Structure formats: structure tokens, C-alpha cells
């Protein structure tokens, strides 16, 4: 007997309506970004309202600065995340179809690209207002787990980025995921719900670790320590989950300029996600060690 979990009948759209012939819809994917950003913003505001948590007992910015910074972060997430997906995963397709690049509602966002976008936006804002970029980085690192948690849940609802074929009791029969199964697969193709694994590790676990380090261990007083923790937890989690996630081999095509990178990583048993996450993991370990020695 085969155990499996049927994919829940959840529409990617929460609701939709038409105005003057134009369809306006709210999708779970968009709501995930909104919820993640708003919760991160509220936690960041609560952190800067407690100067005793920061070095020298002084907050690096005011609550008003956090509110203004939110706009910059949103732009960084959307622009960086989309461009990261376009450049890292399907550059050939979007080079031939440039009008599809802004269509973020169709899916296709890269965490690594979004991370780079937020970093650039944050640095620009800090330089413009004379705010410590290091303290801002630590604040970002504490709160980013909300976006990762809800974003991965949205990936599950969208039935995208599913895992490798598996017969574990909690395997899910994703719609449209019948391809890439072994030819001797005799039953319905079921897969690891790798999106939920990522939500648990990159989101829930990261938030719990950050809360403990901030309020119990006082690590906001150690510059870049929490940034290092975020890099380490995310990098290790992503590398681990990639063992259960469908590899990025679907993007290896003769006209993909990054195909040789994917083929090179595949020769060593690595996926694109692991290749991009390994430097993040190593950077995190370095920052933790540096912060510890500095303290």
C-alpha cells in the first residue's frame, strides 16, 4: 500500500475581480511577501525601541527610519529577486521574451537575487541617512525569517519548486509534477514537500534562533554576529533541503548561458541552489568567528 498526501485544492488566487475589463487578483504569493515584510517591519520597530539591546545602549535608527527603509527593502526584494531568477536560472528565455521579466505574478523569484537587492537597497539608504550599515544588517538578519517562512508556504500553495520523487508517508502528489520520475516508477509520482522543509528550517527555526540570541544572549551587542548566524542557518538549511528538492537540471539547455555552471555543479553532485548557498554558509561562519574574536 502506498501512502501519500493528496495536494490540497487551494487556488493560487485568493480572490479576483475585474475593473474596466482589467482583472485584478490577490495571489497567495503576493500575500506571503506582504505578510513577511509587515511582520519583519513590526519586529524591527520593536527592536529599535529598546536601546538596551544595542551596543552602547543606543539604537542605530528611529522607528521612522525603519518605516522609510521598508519601501527601499520592498523594491530591493522585488527587483533583485526577479532579476536573480532571470539571470541565474532562465536567462535565455527572458532574453528572447523581455516583456515577461516584469510579470512577477507568474512566479519566478530567486532568494539569492532578492538578498542582493535588499543588501544594495539597505546600503544606499544607510549611506544617505548616515546610519550604521552593520547594525542595519543585523536587524535585517533577525527579521528576514518571516519572509522566508511565508514565501516557502506560498511556493507550496503554488505547487512549485517541489521535491524529488519519494515514497515517504508524507510525500505529496503535486499537480503537474509527473515528469522527471524514474522510468520504473509504477505508482502515482509523489514527491518530498521540500517547500515545507524550507519553511520550517529557513523560516521557523531561524526565527526561533534569532529570538533566543537577541533576548536571551544579547547578540545585538555583537556587531555582525547575527548576520553571520543568518548566513550560516540559511546556507546550511538550503544545502540540506536541496538533497530533497528537485534539482535545477530542468534549466540545463543548449541556449542557457549558465548551463555550463549547472553541468559543472552536477558533476560534483551539487545543485545550483547549493552552489549559490555554499559561499553564504562559509561567509556566515567567518562572520561569527570574527565577531566572537572581536568581542
Protein backbone atom coordinates (compact mmCIF):
# COMPACT_ATOMS: atom_id res chain seq x y z
CA UNK A 1 0.00 0.00 0.00
CA UNK A 2 1.32 3.44 -0.96
CA UNK A 3 0.91 6.30 1.48
CA UNK A 4 0.66 9.80 0.10
CA UNK A 5 -0.85 13.17 0.81
CA UNK A 6 -3.06 14.50 -1.99
CA UNK A 7 -2.28 18.07 -2.92
CA UNK A 8 -4.79 20.38 -1.22
CA UNK A 9 -7.31 22.05 -3.52
CA UNK A 10 -6.13 25.62 -2.94
CA UNK A 11 -6.26 28.15 -5.74
CA UNK A 12 -3.14 30.30 -6.17
CA UNK A 13 -5.54 33.26 -6.25
CA UNK A 14 -7.26 34.32 -3.05
CA UNK A 15 -9.75 36.44 -4.97
CA UNK A 16 -10.01 38.30 -8.27
CA UNK A 17 -12.32 40.84 -9.85
CA UNK A 18 -12.47 42.97 -12.96
CA UNK A 19 -12.39 46.73 -13.24
CA UNK A 20 -12.99 48.20 -16.70
CA UNK A 21 -12.09 44.89 -18.28
CA UNK A 22 -8.83 44.56 -16.28
CA UNK A 23 -8.52 41.57 -13.97
CA UNK A 24 -7.20 42.42 -10.51
CA UNK A 25 -6.24 39.47 -8.33
CA UNK A 26 -4.60 38.87 -4.97
CA UNK A 27 -2.46 35.76 -5.01
CA UNK A 28 -1.06 33.82 -2.06
CA UNK A 29 2.41 34.55 -3.41
CA UNK A 30 1.85 38.31 -3.13
CA UNK A 31 0.22 37.95 0.29
CA UNK A 32 3.24 35.98 1.52
CA UNK A 33 5.55 38.84 0.60
CA UNK A 34 3.22 41.40 2.18
CA UNK A 35 2.85 39.42 5.43
CA UNK A 36 6.58 38.71 5.66
CA UNK A 37 7.54 42.34 5.12
CA UNK A 38 4.95 43.71 7.55
CA UNK A 39 5.88 41.31 10.35
CA UNK A 40 9.59 41.97 9.79
CA UNK A 41 8.89 45.71 9.90
CA UNK A 42 6.97 45.46 13.19
CA UNK A 43 9.70 43.37 14.83
CA UNK A 44 12.37 45.77 13.61
CA UNK A 45 10.43 48.71 15.07
CA UNK A 46 10.19 46.93 18.42
CA UNK A 47 13.95 46.30 18.37
CA UNK A 48 14.94 49.92 17.76
CA UNK A 49 12.56 50.99 20.54
CA UNK A 50 14.72 49.04 23.01
CA UNK A 51 18.14 50.77 23.03
CA UNK A 52 19.38 48.46 25.79
CA UNK A 53 19.59 45.66 23.21
CA UNK A 54 22.13 47.52 21.08
CA UNK A 55 25.83 48.35 21.52
CA UNK A 56 26.46 51.23 23.92
CA UNK A 57 22.75 51.27 24.79
CA UNK A 58 21.88 53.30 21.69
CA UNK A 59 19.56 52.28 18.84
CA UNK A 60 21.06 52.67 15.37
CA UNK A 61 17.95 54.34 13.96
CA UNK A 62 14.50 55.61 14.86
CA UNK A 63 11.17 53.84 14.19
CA UNK A 64 10.56 56.39 11.45
CA UNK A 65 13.75 55.31 9.72
CA UNK A 66 12.57 51.70 9.83
CA UNK A 67 9.30 52.70 8.16
CA UNK A 68 11.13 54.59 5.41
CA UNK A 69 13.58 51.72 4.96
CA UNK A 70 10.67 49.33 4.36
CA UNK A 71 9.96 50.97 0.99
CA UNK A 72 13.57 50.51 -0.07
CA UNK A 73 13.50 46.88 1.07
CA UNK A 74 10.34 46.15 -0.93
CA UNK A 75 11.97 47.49 -4.08
CA UNK A 76 15.14 45.54 -3.38
CA UNK A 77 13.24 42.27 -2.82
CA UNK A 78 11.09 42.53 -5.93
CA UNK A 79 13.70 43.86 -8.34
CA UNK A 80 16.59 41.79 -7.04
CA UNK A 81 14.54 38.61 -6.64
CA UNK A 82 13.18 38.81 -10.15
CA UNK A 83 16.46 39.72 -11.80
CA UNK A 84 18.19 36.96 -9.83
CA UNK A 85 15.80 34.38 -11.25
CA UNK A 86 16.19 35.77 -14.75
CA UNK A 87 19.99 35.78 -14.60
CA UNK A 88 20.68 32.61 -12.60
CA UNK A 89 18.01 30.28 -13.95
CA UNK A 90 16.43 31.20 -17.30
CA UNK A 91 18.46 33.97 -18.96
CA UNK A 92 17.97 32.60 -22.47
CA UNK A 93 14.18 32.55 -22.19
CA UNK A 94 13.91 36.08 -20.83
CA UNK A 95 16.45 37.40 -23.34
CA UNK A 96 14.08 36.17 -26.03
CA UNK A 97 10.98 37.34 -24.11
CA UNK A 98 12.00 40.53 -22.26
CA UNK A 99 8.37 41.63 -21.82
CA UNK A 100 7.88 38.68 -19.45
CA UNK A 101 10.53 39.90 -17.00
CA UNK A 102 8.18 42.22 -15.03
CA UNK A 103 5.50 39.52 -14.72
CA UNK A 104 6.40 38.53 -11.18
CA UNK A 105 2.85 37.31 -10.56
CA UNK A 106 3.59 34.35 -12.83
CA UNK A 107 6.21 33.14 -10.34
CA UNK A 108 9.95 33.01 -10.62
CA UNK A 109 11.82 34.74 -7.79
CA UNK A 110 15.32 33.98 -6.56
CA UNK A 111 16.18 34.30 -2.89
CA UNK A 112 19.81 34.97 -3.72
CA UNK A 113 18.79 37.77 -6.08
CA UNK A 114 16.37 39.20 -3.53
CA UNK A 115 19.09 39.05 -0.90
CA UNK A 116 21.44 41.02 -3.15
CA UNK A 117 18.68 43.53 -3.91
CA UNK A 118 17.96 44.12 -0.23
CA UNK A 119 21.68 44.47 0.52
CA UNK A 120 22.09 47.14 -2.16
CA UNK A 121 18.93 48.99 -1.10
CA UNK A 122 19.95 48.89 2.57
CA UNK A 123 23.45 50.17 1.87
CA UNK A 124 22.09 53.02 -0.23
CA UNK A 125 19.63 54.02 2.48
CA UNK A 126 22.21 53.82 5.28
CA UNK A 127 24.71 55.89 3.33
CA UNK A 128 22.09 58.50 2.52
CA UNK A 129 20.98 58.90 6.15
CA UNK A 130 24.25 58.26 7.97
CA UNK A 131 23.03 55.04 9.64
CA UNK A 132 25.25 52.12 10.62
CA UNK A 133 25.14 49.55 7.83
CA UNK A 134 26.40 46.86 10.21
CA UNK A 135 23.57 47.39 12.71
CA UNK A 136 21.07 47.51 9.86
CA UNK A 137 22.43 44.22 8.54
CA UNK A 138 21.94 42.60 11.94
CA UNK A 139 18.39 43.97 12.14
CA UNK A 140 17.61 42.57 8.68
CA UNK A 141 19.06 39.21 9.67
CA UNK A 142 16.89 38.96 12.80
CA UNK A 143 13.63 39.62 10.95
CA UNK A 144 14.16 38.07 7.50
CA UNK A 145 12.82 34.67 8.63
CA UNK A 146 9.23 35.91 8.27
CA UNK A 147 9.66 36.44 4.55
CA UNK A 148 11.34 33.07 4.09
CA UNK A 149 8.64 31.27 6.08
CA UNK A 150 5.68 32.72 4.21
CA UNK A 151 7.45 32.67 0.86
CA UNK A 152 8.07 28.92 1.07
CA UNK A 153 4.49 28.29 2.15
CA UNK A 154 3.38 30.23 -0.93
CA UNK A 155 5.66 28.05 -3.07
CA UNK A 156 3.83 25.01 -1.70
CA UNK A 157 0.41 26.50 -2.45
CA UNK A 158 1.58 27.35 -5.97
CA UNK A 159 2.76 23.73 -6.38
CA UNK A 160 6.20 24.93 -7.49
CA UNK A 161 9.77 24.09 -6.50
CA UNK A 162 8.63 20.66 -5.39
CA UNK A 163 10.92 17.93 -4.14
CA UNK A 164 12.41 14.79 -5.59
CA UNK A 165 10.30 11.66 -6.17
CA UNK A 166 9.77 9.79 -2.91
CA UNK A 167 7.59 7.16 -1.25
CA UNK A 168 7.85 8.55 2.28
CA UNK A 169 4.45 8.56 4.06
CA UNK A 170 4.22 12.36 3.86
CA UNK A 171 5.03 12.54 0.14
CA UNK A 172 2.70 14.79 -1.84
CA UNK A 173 1.20 14.25 -5.28
CA UNK A 174 1.80 17.68 -6.78
CA UNK A 175 -0.23 18.59 -9.87
CA UNK A 176 1.90 18.69 -12.97
CA UNK A 177 4.84 17.02 -11.24
CA UNK A 178 4.67 13.69 -13.03
CA UNK A 179 7.72 14.36 -15.15
CA UNK A 180 11.29 13.57 -14.15
CA UNK A 181 10.23 10.46 -12.25
CA UNK A 182 12.23 7.24 -12.62
CA UNK A 183 11.05 5.16 -15.60
CA UNK A 184 10.34 2.20 -13.32
CA UNK A 185 8.05 4.27 -11.09
CA UNK A 186 4.90 2.12 -11.03
CA UNK A 187 2.64 4.26 -8.84
CA UNK A 188 1.49 7.86 -8.84
CA UNK A 189 4.55 10.10 -8.79
CA UNK A 190 4.77 11.56 -5.29
CA UNK A 191 7.43 13.94 -4.05
CA UNK A 192 9.02 15.41 -0.96
CA UNK A 193 7.21 18.62 0.10
CA UNK A 194 10.57 20.36 0.11
CA UNK A 195 8.89 23.78 0.28
CA UNK A 196 7.63 22.86 3.77
CA UNK A 197 11.09 21.64 4.78
CA UNK A 198 12.49 25.03 3.79
CA UNK A 199 9.70 26.90 5.56
CA UNK A 200 10.50 25.01 8.76
CA UNK A 201 14.29 25.42 8.61
CA UNK A 202 14.85 28.74 6.84
CA UNK A 203 11.80 30.33 8.43
CA UNK A 204 10.53 28.95 11.74
CA UNK A 205 13.86 27.60 13.02
CA UNK A 206 15.74 30.75 12.01
CA UNK A 207 13.19 33.00 13.77
CA UNK A 208 13.40 30.91 16.95
CA UNK A 209 17.21 31.02 16.97
CA UNK A 210 17.22 34.77 16.37
CA UNK A 211 14.71 35.48 19.15
CA UNK A 212 16.77 33.43 21.61
CA UNK A 213 20.05 35.10 20.66
CA UNK A 214 18.57 38.62 20.77
CA UNK A 215 16.61 38.44 24.01
CA UNK A 216 18.49 35.75 25.95
CA UNK A 217 22.06 36.11 24.79
CA UNK A 218 22.21 39.81 23.85
CA UNK A 219 23.84 39.20 20.49
CA UNK A 220 22.67 42.50 19.03
CA UNK A 221 25.54 43.97 21.03
CA UNK A 222 27.96 41.90 18.94
CA UNK A 223 28.23 43.56 15.51
CA UNK A 224 27.70 41.20 12.56
CA UNK A 225 27.24 38.15 14.80
CA UNK A 226 23.56 37.82 13.92
CA UNK A 227 24.31 38.47 10.27
CA UNK A 228 26.69 35.54 10.48
CA UNK A 229 24.04 33.38 12.16
CA UNK A 230 21.57 34.17 9.41
CA UNK A 231 24.07 33.33 6.68
CA UNK A 232 25.01 30.09 8.44
CA UNK A 233 21.48 28.88 9.17
CA UNK A 234 20.18 29.77 5.74
CA UNK A 235 23.15 28.36 3.87
CA UNK A 236 23.17 25.10 5.82
CA UNK A 237 19.38 24.73 5.59
CA UNK A 238 19.29 25.36 1.85
CA UNK A 239 22.17 22.99 1.14
CA UNK A 240 20.45 20.30 3.22
CA UNK A 241 16.99 20.75 1.70
CA UNK A 242 18.45 20.65 -1.81
CA UNK A 243 19.07 16.95 -1.13
CA UNK A 244 15.28 16.50 -1.23
CA UNK A 245 14.36 19.21 -3.73
CA UNK A 246 14.06 18.60 -7.46
CA UNK A 247 17.43 19.60 -8.85
CA UNK A 248 17.78 22.51 -11.23
CA UNK A 249 18.63 20.26 -14.15
CA UNK A 250 15.41 21.40 -15.87
CA UNK A 251 17.22 24.65 -16.64
CA UNK A 252 20.12 22.99 -18.48
CA UNK A 253 19.50 23.77 -22.13
CA UNK A 254 21.91 24.32 -25.03
CA UNK A 255 20.97 28.02 -25.21
CA UNK A 256 21.29 28.71 -21.48
CA UNK A 257 24.50 30.71 -20.85
CA UNK A 258 24.63 29.32 -17.31
CA UNK A 259 24.23 25.75 -18.47
CA UNK A 260 27.96 25.05 -18.07
CA UNK A 261 27.77 26.19 -14.43
CA UNK A 262 24.89 23.81 -13.79
CA UNK A 263 26.65 20.97 -15.57
CA UNK A 264 29.85 21.61 -13.61
CA UNK A 265 27.96 21.59 -10.30
CA UNK A 266 26.05 18.46 -11.33
CA UNK A 267 29.35 16.66 -11.95
CA UNK A 268 30.08 17.12 -8.24
CA UNK A 269 26.56 16.17 -7.19
CA UNK A 270 25.59 19.78 -6.43
CA UNK A 271 22.56 21.78 -7.50
CA UNK A 272 22.51 25.45 -8.44
CA UNK A 273 20.94 26.23 -5.04
CA UNK A 274 23.83 24.50 -3.26
CA UNK A 275 26.44 26.25 -5.37
CA UNK A 276 24.92 29.65 -4.58
CA UNK A 277 24.43 28.82 -0.88
CA UNK A 278 27.90 27.45 -0.12
CA UNK A 279 29.59 30.90 -0.16
CA UNK A 280 26.80 32.21 2.08
CA UNK A 281 27.40 29.42 4.59
CA UNK A 282 31.16 29.99 4.63
CA UNK A 283 30.69 33.75 4.97
CA UNK A 284 28.37 33.19 7.92
CA UNK A 285 30.86 31.03 9.75
CA UNK A 286 33.58 33.60 9.13
CA UNK A 287 31.42 36.46 10.47
CA UNK A 288 30.51 34.54 13.64
CA UNK A 289 34.16 33.74 14.28
CA UNK A 290 35.23 37.33 13.53
CA UNK A 291 32.57 38.77 15.82
CA UNK A 292 33.48 36.34 18.61
CA UNK A 293 37.18 37.17 18.43
CA UNK A 294 36.41 40.89 18.26
CA UNK A 295 34.22 40.66 21.36
